[in-house]
């Protein structure tokens, strides 16, 4: 005869069932979470270890990837989960040199190796335009055009459009009524605005200097900034892309000019030695202290602030080189200050508009280079702090907190290194165009160039333009970086 289970036994069995189900669900969820965090069971040592995810990318894409000599079954863009530790990565494609790099992968981290620039094995140099002479050249942002000057005594330029494979050039000449006539004249293009329309022109004549802004889309709309305000300007920076607003340094004071409104501001910062503008309205500067002649200060000013904010004070030591720069990376503020050979990076909140409280900025990293810093800057995206002294340079990667130092080999003095894209820099030391990554890795010599002239990679990465000396003069030339 079948005996019915007691209520007590049914309750116990249900409790055990629910407990088992809960434990099973918890175990599955835990395993899934651990798997997503990169944990794997290593059959070799019988332990659970946390790995890391690596994302690969290249220009051009569709390249093969290998990790420690083992090829992935995928092409760029690709990803792989690997053990933490040091690994050698290779990316290659037919017709291109292999990109290689050894990287220390941290457990649980997402590492982006998506900046590999594959260089063709065969680099054919194609002459595009021949000039009798080139005294200066200036590539616009994003590699869309190049301004070429053949005679510094006149404000005439060639604007070369390189947005397509078929290159087009137009001549631009600033009208003589816009600038002052001198017995000797030197016109020098200094800088494009970020929008790639306006160019600042420095005009030196008879021991004087005036500043012009050339409108490359409407040359007749070019203006003489100095004449409009009757104000002696020693340095000038664009503020925005309208071609009307500028921050200027004159008589050691930084002021703001508005050409459209015809206004000049009160002194925003005084006793300034050097300054730079970020995002059109944030100024970093090095200045002297009026009340304390032996002190120099590093500071920051934002448009609308009641007064500039002092970030650091250097007492005495007038021979110590002092520089400052700021940027954003993933919407976080970073400020880098170099004092001699030491660089300190701060992270956090800028001082508030009406306060000089800088406690919102904390030390993020600090490093020391072999020589005093001559040039301090952030990379275009703000990921790297980059310093240079002659042919020596160093970078600090804020994403992965990695410091790297390197040197450009060659004779003579190296000019300021410039960014080819967000991760690569270029040099023309010894009249050879070399490109390399921010940390000095993956060096390639591209072709012979005329030192002192600009180099640019087109917006689509297809062509690399430069200038070279020829028997007949100077040639604008290009090398195809993405094979057809």
Protein backbone atom coordinates (compact mmCIF):
# COMPACT_ATOMS: atom_id res chain seq x y z
CA UNK A 1 0.00 0.00 0.00
CA UNK A 2 1.40 3.40 -1.06
CA UNK A 3 2.17 5.70 1.83
CA UNK A 4 1.58 9.40 1.37
CA UNK A 5 4.50 11.72 2.10
CA UNK A 6 4.10 13.85 5.15
CA UNK A 7 3.78 17.61 4.79
CA UNK A 8 7.10 17.96 6.59
CA UNK A 9 8.92 15.77 4.04
CA UNK A 10 7.30 17.63 1.11
CA UNK A 11 8.45 20.93 2.55
CA UNK A 12 12.00 19.63 3.00
CA UNK A 13 12.10 18.30 -0.55
CA UNK A 14 10.80 21.60 -2.00
CA UNK A 15 13.35 23.54 0.05
CA UNK A 16 16.15 21.32 -1.22
CA UNK A 17 14.92 21.64 -4.81
CA UNK A 18 14.71 25.44 -4.64
CA UNK A 19 18.09 25.63 -2.91
CA UNK A 20 19.63 23.48 -5.63
CA UNK A 21 18.03 25.56 -8.39
CA UNK A 22 19.19 28.79 -6.74
CA UNK A 23 22.72 27.42 -6.38
CA UNK A 24 22.67 26.29 -10.03
CA UNK A 25 21.47 29.70 -11.26
CA UNK A 26 24.03 31.47 -9.07
CA UNK A 27 26.79 29.19 -10.37
CA UNK A 28 25.82 29.73 -14.01
CA UNK A 29 25.62 33.51 -13.54
CA UNK A 30 28.98 33.51 -11.73
CA UNK A 31 30.60 31.47 -14.51
CA UNK A 32 29.15 33.78 -17.19
CA UNK A 33 30.31 36.91 -15.34
CA UNK A 34 33.79 35.44 -14.79
CA UNK A 35 33.93 34.47 -18.46
CA UNK A 36 32.94 37.98 -19.51
CA UNK A 37 35.66 39.35 -17.22
CA UNK A 38 38.20 37.22 -19.02
CA UNK A 39 38.67 34.42 -16.48
CA UNK A 40 39.61 31.03 -17.98
CA UNK A 41 40.63 27.65 -16.61
CA UNK A 42 44.24 26.92 -17.56
CA UNK A 43 44.60 23.19 -18.19
CA UNK A 44 48.37 23.55 -17.96
CA UNK A 45 48.52 24.59 -14.32
CA UNK A 46 45.00 23.71 -13.22
CA UNK A 47 44.21 27.26 -12.14
CA UNK A 48 41.66 29.90 -13.02
CA UNK A 49 43.38 32.97 -14.48
CA UNK A 50 42.03 36.31 -15.63
CA UNK A 51 42.82 37.16 -19.21
CA UNK A 52 42.24 40.32 -21.24
CA UNK A 53 40.51 41.43 -24.42
CA UNK A 54 42.55 42.91 -27.26
CA UNK A 55 40.94 44.78 -30.16
CA UNK A 56 42.88 44.98 -33.42
CA UNK A 57 42.57 47.46 -36.27
CA UNK A 58 44.71 48.57 -39.18
CA UNK A 59 44.93 50.95 -42.12
CA UNK A 60 44.12 49.43 -44.53
CA UNK A 61 41.79 46.92 -42.88
CA UNK A 62 41.49 43.24 -43.81
CA UNK A 63 44.94 42.38 -42.43
CA UNK A 64 45.92 39.12 -40.75
CA UNK A 65 46.77 39.07 -37.03
CA UNK A 66 49.10 36.84 -35.05
CA UNK A 67 49.69 36.62 -31.30
CA UNK A 68 53.05 35.18 -30.26
CA UNK A 69 53.39 33.70 -33.74
CA UNK A 70 49.95 32.05 -33.79
CA UNK A 71 47.60 33.47 -36.42
CA UNK A 72 44.01 34.33 -35.55
CA UNK A 73 41.18 33.06 -37.68
CA UNK A 74 40.10 36.65 -38.33
CA UNK A 75 41.21 39.80 -40.11
CA UNK A 76 41.18 43.39 -38.95
CA UNK A 77 39.07 44.68 -37.37
CA UNK A 78 39.32 41.72 -35.00
CA UNK A 79 39.46 40.85 -31.31
CA UNK A 80 40.86 38.12 -29.10
CA UNK A 81 40.87 37.15 -25.43
CA UNK A 82 44.37 36.25 -24.22
CA UNK A 83 46.33 35.69 -21.03
CA UNK A 84 47.68 38.69 -19.23
CA UNK A 85 51.39 39.36 -19.62
CA UNK A 86 53.82 40.33 -22.35
CA UNK A 87 52.87 39.29 -25.89
CA UNK A 88 54.21 39.92 -29.37
CA UNK A 89 51.59 41.03 -31.86
CA UNK A 90 51.93 41.03 -35.65
CA UNK A 91 49.61 42.49 -38.27
CA UNK A 92 50.29 41.99 -41.98
CA UNK A 93 48.76 42.09 -45.40
CA UNK A 94 50.05 41.23 -48.87
CA UNK A 95 52.10 44.05 -50.34
CA UNK A 96 52.75 45.73 -46.97
CA UNK A 97 55.47 45.54 -44.33
CA UNK A 98 54.53 43.65 -41.18
CA UNK A 99 53.53 45.71 -38.17
CA UNK A 100 54.98 44.29 -34.95
CA UNK A 101 54.83 45.30 -31.34
CA UNK A 102 55.41 43.77 -27.92
CA UNK A 103 52.81 44.92 -25.39
CA UNK A 104 52.33 44.13 -21.72
CA UNK A 105 48.66 43.19 -21.38
CA UNK A 106 47.06 43.79 -18.00
CA UNK A 107 44.53 41.30 -16.58
CA UNK A 108 40.91 42.26 -17.13
CA UNK A 109 41.84 45.21 -19.34
CA UNK A 110 40.59 46.10 -22.80
CA UNK A 111 43.63 46.93 -24.92
CA UNK A 112 43.22 48.74 -28.23
CA UNK A 113 45.78 47.93 -30.90
CA UNK A 114 43.67 49.54 -33.58
CA UNK A 115 46.19 52.07 -34.89
CA UNK A 116 48.51 49.91 -37.00
CA UNK A 117 49.51 51.89 -40.09
CA UNK A 118 50.61 49.36 -42.71
CA UNK A 119 53.26 50.77 -45.04
CA UNK A 120 53.57 49.37 -48.58
CA UNK A 121 56.76 47.41 -49.27
CA UNK A 122 57.21 49.29 -52.54
CA UNK A 123 57.01 53.03 -52.20
CA UNK A 124 56.77 54.74 -55.57
CA UNK A 125 57.24 58.51 -55.43
CA UNK A 126 54.95 60.39 -57.82
CA UNK A 127 55.74 64.06 -58.66
CA UNK A 128 52.57 66.16 -58.76
CA UNK A 129 53.43 69.85 -59.19
CA UNK A 130 56.80 71.43 -59.97
CA UNK A 131 57.82 74.84 -58.57
CA UNK A 132 60.89 76.95 -59.23
CA UNK A 133 61.21 77.37 -55.47
CA UNK A 134 59.28 76.73 -52.24
CA UNK A 135 60.00 78.87 -49.19
CA UNK A 136 57.15 77.64 -46.99
CA UNK A 137 54.28 75.17 -46.97
CA UNK A 138 51.43 74.58 -44.55
CA UNK A 139 49.03 71.63 -44.62
CA UNK A 140 45.47 72.22 -43.44
CA UNK A 141 43.81 70.16 -40.71
CA UNK A 142 42.72 66.64 -41.73
CA UNK A 143 44.96 66.67 -44.82
CA UNK A 144 42.59 68.38 -47.26
CA UNK A 145 44.82 71.07 -48.74
CA UNK A 146 48.35 72.48 -48.72
CA UNK A 147 49.28 76.16 -48.86
CA UNK A 148 52.47 76.66 -50.88
CA UNK A 149 54.57 79.84 -50.96
CA UNK A 150 57.31 80.37 -53.56
CA UNK A 151 58.43 83.92 -52.70
CA UNK A 152 58.32 85.32 -49.16
CA UNK A 153 58.50 88.94 -50.35
CA UNK A 154 54.93 88.89 -51.70
CA UNK A 155 51.66 87.56 -50.17
CA UNK A 156 50.97 85.17 -53.05
CA UNK A 157 50.27 81.50 -52.48
CA UNK A 158 49.13 78.35 -54.24
CA UNK A 159 46.31 76.45 -52.55
CA UNK A 160 46.57 72.77 -53.50
CA UNK A 161 43.40 70.70 -53.05
CA UNK A 162 44.38 67.08 -52.22
CA UNK A 163 40.95 65.75 -51.28
CA UNK A 164 40.85 63.51 -54.36
CA UNK A 165 43.35 61.60 -56.48
CA UNK A 166 43.20 64.42 -59.03
CA UNK A 167 45.06 67.36 -57.51
CA UNK A 168 43.82 70.90 -58.22
CA UNK A 169 45.74 74.10 -57.47
CA UNK A 170 44.50 77.71 -57.37
CA UNK A 171 46.51 80.92 -56.85
CA UNK A 172 45.70 83.31 -54.00
CA UNK A 173 47.09 86.84 -53.62
CA UNK A 174 46.23 89.23 -50.79
CA UNK A 175 45.36 92.67 -52.13
CA UNK A 176 48.03 95.34 -51.60
CA UNK A 177 45.58 97.68 -49.86
CA UNK A 178 45.23 95.22 -46.97
CA UNK A 179 48.85 95.24 -45.79
CA UNK A 180 51.40 97.99 -45.15
CA UNK A 181 53.98 98.78 -47.81
CA UNK A 182 57.58 98.40 -46.76
CA UNK A 183 60.99 98.65 -48.38
CA UNK A 184 61.55 95.05 -47.31
CA UNK A 185 58.74 92.57 -46.78
CA UNK A 186 58.55 89.02 -45.47
CA UNK A 187 55.19 87.23 -45.45
CA UNK A 188 55.07 83.96 -43.47
CA UNK A 189 52.04 81.67 -43.17
CA UNK A 190 51.86 80.59 -39.53
CA UNK A 191 48.74 78.53 -38.83
CA UNK A 192 45.41 77.29 -40.17
CA UNK A 193 42.26 77.54 -38.13
CA UNK A 194 40.74 74.22 -37.07
CA UNK A 195 38.05 74.54 -39.75
CA UNK A 196 40.63 74.67 -42.54
CA UNK A 197 39.49 77.95 -44.08
CA UNK A 198 41.54 80.78 -42.57
CA UNK A 199 45.33 81.20 -42.37
CA UNK A 200 47.26 83.57 -40.13
CA UNK A 201 49.98 85.43 -42.05
CA UNK A 202 52.83 87.22 -40.27
CA UNK A 203 54.10 90.26 -42.19
CA UNK A 204 57.52 91.62 -41.18
CA UNK A 205 58.53 94.90 -42.78
CA UNK A 206 61.05 97.64 -41.96
CA UNK A 207 61.55 96.38 -38.41
CA UNK A 208 57.80 96.14 -37.75
CA UNK A 209 55.29 93.27 -37.64
CA UNK A 210 51.62 93.08 -38.55
CA UNK A 211 49.22 90.16 -38.66
CA UNK A 212 46.88 89.29 -41.52
CA UNK A 213 44.16 86.68 -41.73
CA UNK A 214 43.72 85.20 -45.20
CA UNK A 215 40.35 83.79 -46.19
CA UNK A 216 41.20 80.95 -48.59
CA UNK A 217 37.59 80.69 -49.78
CA UNK A 218 37.14 84.44 -50.33
CA UNK A 219 40.55 86.08 -50.71
CA UNK A 220 38.96 89.57 -50.94
CA UNK A 221 37.61 89.12 -47.39
CA UNK A 222 41.15 88.87 -45.94
CA UNK A 223 41.86 91.37 -43.16
CA UNK A 224 44.72 93.19 -41.46
CA UNK A 225 44.19 92.39 -37.76
CA UNK A 226 46.90 94.75 -36.53
CA UNK A 227 45.58 97.71 -38.49
CA UNK A 228 41.99 97.18 -37.32
CA UNK A 229 42.98 97.51 -33.68
CA UNK A 230 46.20 99.54 -33.85
CA UNK A 231 47.60 97.10 -31.30
CA UNK A 232 51.11 95.59 -31.32
CA UNK A 233 50.72 91.79 -31.37
CA UNK A 234 53.59 89.42 -30.63
CA UNK A 235 51.61 86.16 -30.64
CA UNK A 236 48.14 85.30 -31.89
CA UNK A 237 45.89 82.23 -31.75
CA UNK A 238 42.52 81.45 -33.35
CA UNK A 239 39.49 81.21 -31.08
CA UNK A 240 36.95 79.10 -32.93
CA UNK A 241 36.56 78.77 -36.68
CA UNK A 242 34.73 81.96 -37.65
CA UNK A 243 37.92 83.80 -38.60
CA UNK A 244 36.78 86.71 -36.40
CA UNK A 245 37.83 85.83 -32.87
CA UNK A 246 41.42 85.61 -31.57
CA UNK A 247 43.47 85.55 -28.41
CA UNK A 248 46.52 87.76 -28.73
CA UNK A 249 49.64 88.56 -26.71
CA UNK A 250 50.79 92.16 -26.72
CA UNK A 251 52.79 94.15 -24.13
CA UNK A 252 52.91 90.92 -22.07
CA UNK A 253 49.08 90.88 -21.77
CA UNK A 254 46.69 88.32 -23.26
CA UNK A 255 43.50 89.86 -24.66
CA UNK A 256 40.66 88.72 -26.90
CA UNK A 257 39.89 90.37 -30.25
CA UNK A 258 36.63 90.20 -32.17
CA UNK A 259 36.99 91.45 -35.74
CA UNK A 260 33.27 91.39 -36.48
CA UNK A 261 32.38 93.45 -33.42
CA UNK A 262 35.55 95.54 -33.57
CA UNK A 263 36.21 94.98 -29.87
CA UNK A 264 39.30 94.26 -27.80
CA UNK A 265 38.99 92.95 -24.25
CA UNK A 266 40.67 94.09 -21.07
CA UNK A 267 43.91 92.25 -20.19
CA UNK A 268 42.81 88.72 -19.30
CA UNK A 269 46.24 87.56 -18.14
CA UNK A 270 49.27 89.77 -17.45
CA UNK A 271 53.07 89.37 -17.58
CA UNK A 272 52.71 86.36 -19.88
CA UNK A 273 55.78 84.65 -21.34
CA UNK A 274 53.96 82.03 -23.43
CA UNK A 275 50.39 80.84 -23.90
CA UNK A 276 48.34 78.36 -25.91
CA UNK A 277 44.64 77.91 -26.64
CA UNK A 278 42.67 74.68 -26.36
CA UNK A 279 39.10 74.17 -27.63
CA UNK A 280 38.90 77.86 -28.59
CA UNK A 281 38.26 79.13 -25.04
CA UNK A 282 40.75 77.55 -22.61
CA UNK A 283 44.15 79.21 -22.22
CA UNK A 284 47.18 77.75 -20.49
CA UNK A 285 50.09 80.08 -19.82
CA UNK A 286 53.42 80.74 -18.14
CA UNK A 287 53.81 84.20 -16.59
CA UNK A 288 55.81 86.26 -14.15
CA UNK A 289 54.37 87.38 -10.83
CA UNK A 290 54.16 91.19 -10.63
CA UNK A 291 54.34 91.26 -6.86
CA UNK A 292 57.15 88.70 -6.64
CA UNK A 293 59.68 89.23 -9.47
CA UNK A 294 61.55 86.03 -8.67
CA UNK A 295 58.46 83.88 -9.12
CA UNK A 296 56.97 82.42 -12.26
CA UNK A 297 53.50 80.93 -12.38
CA UNK A 298 51.74 78.34 -14.50
CA UNK A 299 48.06 78.96 -14.92
CA UNK A 300 44.80 78.41 -16.71
CA UNK A 301 42.10 80.81 -17.90
CA UNK A 302 38.70 79.98 -19.35
CA UNK A 303 36.55 82.44 -21.22
CA UNK A 304 34.20 84.03 -18.71
CA UNK A 305 36.46 83.52 -15.67
CA UNK A 306 36.79 86.46 -13.30
CA UNK A 307 40.56 86.00 -13.25
CA UNK A 308 43.19 83.46 -14.31
CA UNK A 309 43.85 80.50 -12.02
CA UNK A 310 47.39 79.80 -10.78
CA UNK A 311 48.17 76.09 -10.95
CA UNK A 312 51.83 76.08 -9.92
CA UNK A 313 54.41 78.56 -8.63
CA UNK A 314 58.13 78.27 -9.34
CA UNK A 315 60.21 80.36 -6.94
CA UNK A 316 63.51 81.57 -8.42
CA UNK A 317 65.38 79.28 -10.82
CA UNK A 318 64.85 81.55 -13.86
CA UNK A 319 66.89 79.21 -16.06
CA UNK A 320 64.56 76.25 -15.48
CA UNK A 321 62.33 75.70 -18.51
CA UNK A 322 58.64 75.79 -17.68
CA UNK A 323 55.79 74.71 -19.97
CA UNK A 324 52.10 73.81 -19.65
CA UNK A 325 49.43 72.23 -21.86
CA UNK A 326 45.90 70.95 -21.39
CA UNK A 327 43.57 68.54 -23.17
CA UNK A 328 40.64 66.22 -22.65
CA UNK A 329 40.58 62.47 -22.98
CA UNK A 330 37.24 60.66 -22.74
CA UNK A 331 35.72 63.90 -21.43
CA UNK A 332 38.17 64.09 -18.53
CA UNK A 333 40.41 67.13 -18.07
CA UNK A 334 44.18 66.69 -18.07
CA UNK A 335 46.88 69.30 -17.50
CA UNK A 336 50.58 68.61 -18.06
CA UNK A 337 53.29 70.83 -16.55
CA UNK A 338 56.97 70.40 -17.32
CA UNK A 339 59.51 71.87 -14.91
CA UNK A 340 63.00 71.28 -16.27
CA UNK A 341 63.14 67.56 -17.03
CA UNK A 342 60.19 66.58 -14.81
CA UNK A 343 56.65 66.31 -16.17
CA UNK A 344 53.61 66.15 -13.90
CA UNK A 345 50.17 65.26 -15.25
CA UNK A 346 47.05 66.36 -13.37
CA UNK A 347 43.55 65.01 -13.79
CA UNK A 348 40.22 66.31 -12.54
CA UNK A 349 38.10 69.43 -12.51
CA UNK A 350 39.29 72.85 -13.63
CA UNK A 351 38.93 75.60 -11.00
CA UNK A 352 35.44 77.09 -10.88
CA UNK A 353 34.74 80.39 -12.61
CA UNK A 354 35.03 82.60 -9.53
CA UNK A 355 37.45 80.52 -7.46
CA UNK A 356 41.19 79.87 -7.47
CA UNK A 357 40.70 76.51 -5.77
CA UNK A 358 42.70 73.90 -7.69
CA UNK A 359 42.09 71.01 -5.29
CA UNK A 360 39.87 69.41 -7.92
CA UNK A 361 43.03 68.60 -9.88
CA UNK A 362 44.99 65.58 -8.60
CA UNK A 363 48.35 64.23 -9.67
CA UNK A 364 47.67 61.52 -12.22
CA UNK A 365 51.24 60.64 -13.18
CA UNK A 366 54.79 61.97 -13.10
CA UNK A 367 57.89 61.11 -15.10
CA UNK A 368 61.38 62.45 -15.70
CA UNK A 369 63.15 62.61 -19.06
CA UNK A 370 66.88 62.71 -19.76
CA UNK A 371 66.97 66.40 -20.73
CA UNK A 372 65.01 69.56 -20.02
CA UNK A 373 61.76 69.69 -21.96
CA UNK A 374 61.75 72.13 -24.88
CA UNK A 375 58.34 71.18 -26.30
CA UNK A 376 55.34 69.91 -24.33
CA UNK A 377 52.10 68.94 -26.03
CA UNK A 378 49.20 66.51 -26.09
CA UNK A 379 48.48 64.26 -29.05
CA UNK A 380 45.47 65.18 -31.24
CA UNK A 381 43.04 62.98 -29.28
CA UNK A 382 44.59 63.81 -25.92
CA UNK A 383 45.67 60.23 -25.20
CA UNK A 384 49.41 60.92 -25.07
CA UNK A 385 51.49 63.55 -23.33
CA UNK A 386 54.40 64.18 -25.67
CA UNK A 387 57.69 65.94 -24.87
CA UNK A 388 60.72 66.72 -26.99
CA UNK A 389 64.26 68.05 -26.69
CA UNK A 390 65.97 68.09 -30.09
CA UNK A 391 66.03 64.53 -31.41
CA UNK A 392 65.02 63.06 -28.03
CA UNK A 393 61.33 62.53 -27.32
CA UNK A 394 59.10 60.69 -24.90
CA UNK A 395 55.42 59.92 -24.51
CA UNK A 396 53.09 58.96 -21.70
CA UNK A 397 50.01 56.93 -22.61
CA UNK A 398 47.23 57.95 -20.21
CA UNK A 399 44.96 55.10 -21.29
CA UNK A 400 47.41 52.43 -20.12
CA UNK A 401 49.74 54.57 -17.98
CA UNK A 402 52.83 53.60 -19.94
CA UNK A 403 55.92 55.78 -20.40
CA UNK A 404 58.23 55.38 -23.41
CA UNK A 405 61.36 57.29 -24.46
CA UNK A 406 63.00 57.25 -27.87
CA UNK A 407 65.33 59.16 -30.19
CA UNK A 408 65.47 60.09 -33.85
CA UNK A 409 68.81 59.14 -35.34
CA UNK A 410 70.50 61.50 -37.77
CA UNK A 411 72.74 64.51 -38.12
CA UNK A 412 71.82 68.10 -37.38
CA UNK A 413 69.06 69.44 -35.15
CA UNK A 414 65.57 67.99 -35.30
CA UNK A 415 62.63 70.33 -35.80
CA UNK A 416 59.49 70.04 -33.73
CA UNK A 417 57.96 66.66 -34.40
CA UNK A 418 54.49 66.82 -35.89
CA UNK A 419 51.55 64.43 -35.81
CA UNK A 420 50.79 62.52 -38.98
CA UNK A 421 47.56 61.18 -37.48
CA UNK A 422 46.34 60.44 -33.96
CA UNK A 423 49.14 57.97 -33.21
CA UNK A 424 52.04 58.57 -35.65
CA UNK A 425 54.61 61.35 -35.77
CA UNK A 426 56.93 62.37 -38.61
CA UNK A 427 60.43 63.79 -38.93
CA UNK A 428 62.53 65.17 -41.81
CA UNK A 429 65.96 64.92 -40.14
CA UNK A 430 68.75 64.39 -42.71
CA UNK A 431 66.25 65.16 -45.48
CA UNK A 432 64.55 61.79 -45.02
CA UNK A 433 60.87 61.48 -44.19
CA UNK A 434 60.48 58.98 -41.36
CA UNK A 435 57.27 58.07 -39.60
CA UNK A 436 56.93 56.23 -36.31
CA UNK A 437 54.44 55.63 -33.53
CA UNK A 438 54.06 57.84 -30.47
CA UNK A 439 56.43 55.59 -28.51
CA UNK A 440 59.06 55.30 -31.25
CA UNK A 441 57.96 51.86 -32.49
CA UNK A 442 57.43 50.78 -36.12
CA UNK A 443 59.78 53.22 -37.83
CA UNK A 444 59.57 53.60 -41.61
CA UNK A 445 61.66 55.73 -43.93
CA UNK A 446 59.33 56.84 -46.72
CA UNK A 447 61.30 59.01 -49.17
CA UNK A 448 63.71 61.91 -49.55
CA UNK A 449 62.23 65.30 -48.71
CA UNK A 450 63.12 68.97 -48.58
CA UNK A 451 63.70 69.58 -44.86
CA UNK A 452 61.64 72.35 -43.32
CA UNK A 453 58.58 71.84 -45.50
CA UNK A 454 55.30 70.37 -44.35
CA UNK A 455 54.19 66.76 -44.73
CA UNK A 456 50.61 65.52 -44.61
CA UNK A 457 48.55 62.36 -44.86
CA UNK A 458 45.30 62.84 -46.75
CA UNK A 459 42.03 62.65 -44.87
CA UNK A 460 41.35 59.15 -46.26
CA UNK A 461 44.88 57.89 -45.56
CA UNK A 462 45.48 57.10 -49.23
CA UNK A 463 48.35 59.48 -50.02
CA UNK A 464 51.31 60.90 -48.15
CA UNK A 465 52.38 64.29 -49.55
CA UNK A 466 55.77 65.98 -49.14
CA UNK A 467 58.23 68.23 -50.99
CA UNK A 468 61.57 67.33 -52.59
CA UNK A 469 64.44 69.22 -54.19
CA UNK A 470 64.85 68.59 -57.92
CA UNK A 471 67.26 69.76 -60.61
CA UNK A 472 64.63 72.23 -61.82
CA UNK A 473 63.49 73.45 -58.40
CA UNK A 474 61.09 71.85 -55.91
CA UNK A 475 58.45 69.20 -56.49
CA UNK A 476 55.27 68.48 -54.57
CA UNK A 477 55.28 64.70 -54.46
CA UNK A 478 53.21 61.90 -53.05
CA UNK A 479 53.48 58.25 -52.10
CA UNK A 480 50.50 55.90 -52.19
CA UNK A 481 49.91 54.45 -48.70
CA UNK A 482 46.80 52.38 -49.49
CA UNK A 483 47.36 50.17 -52.50
CA UNK A 484 44.63 49.94 -55.15
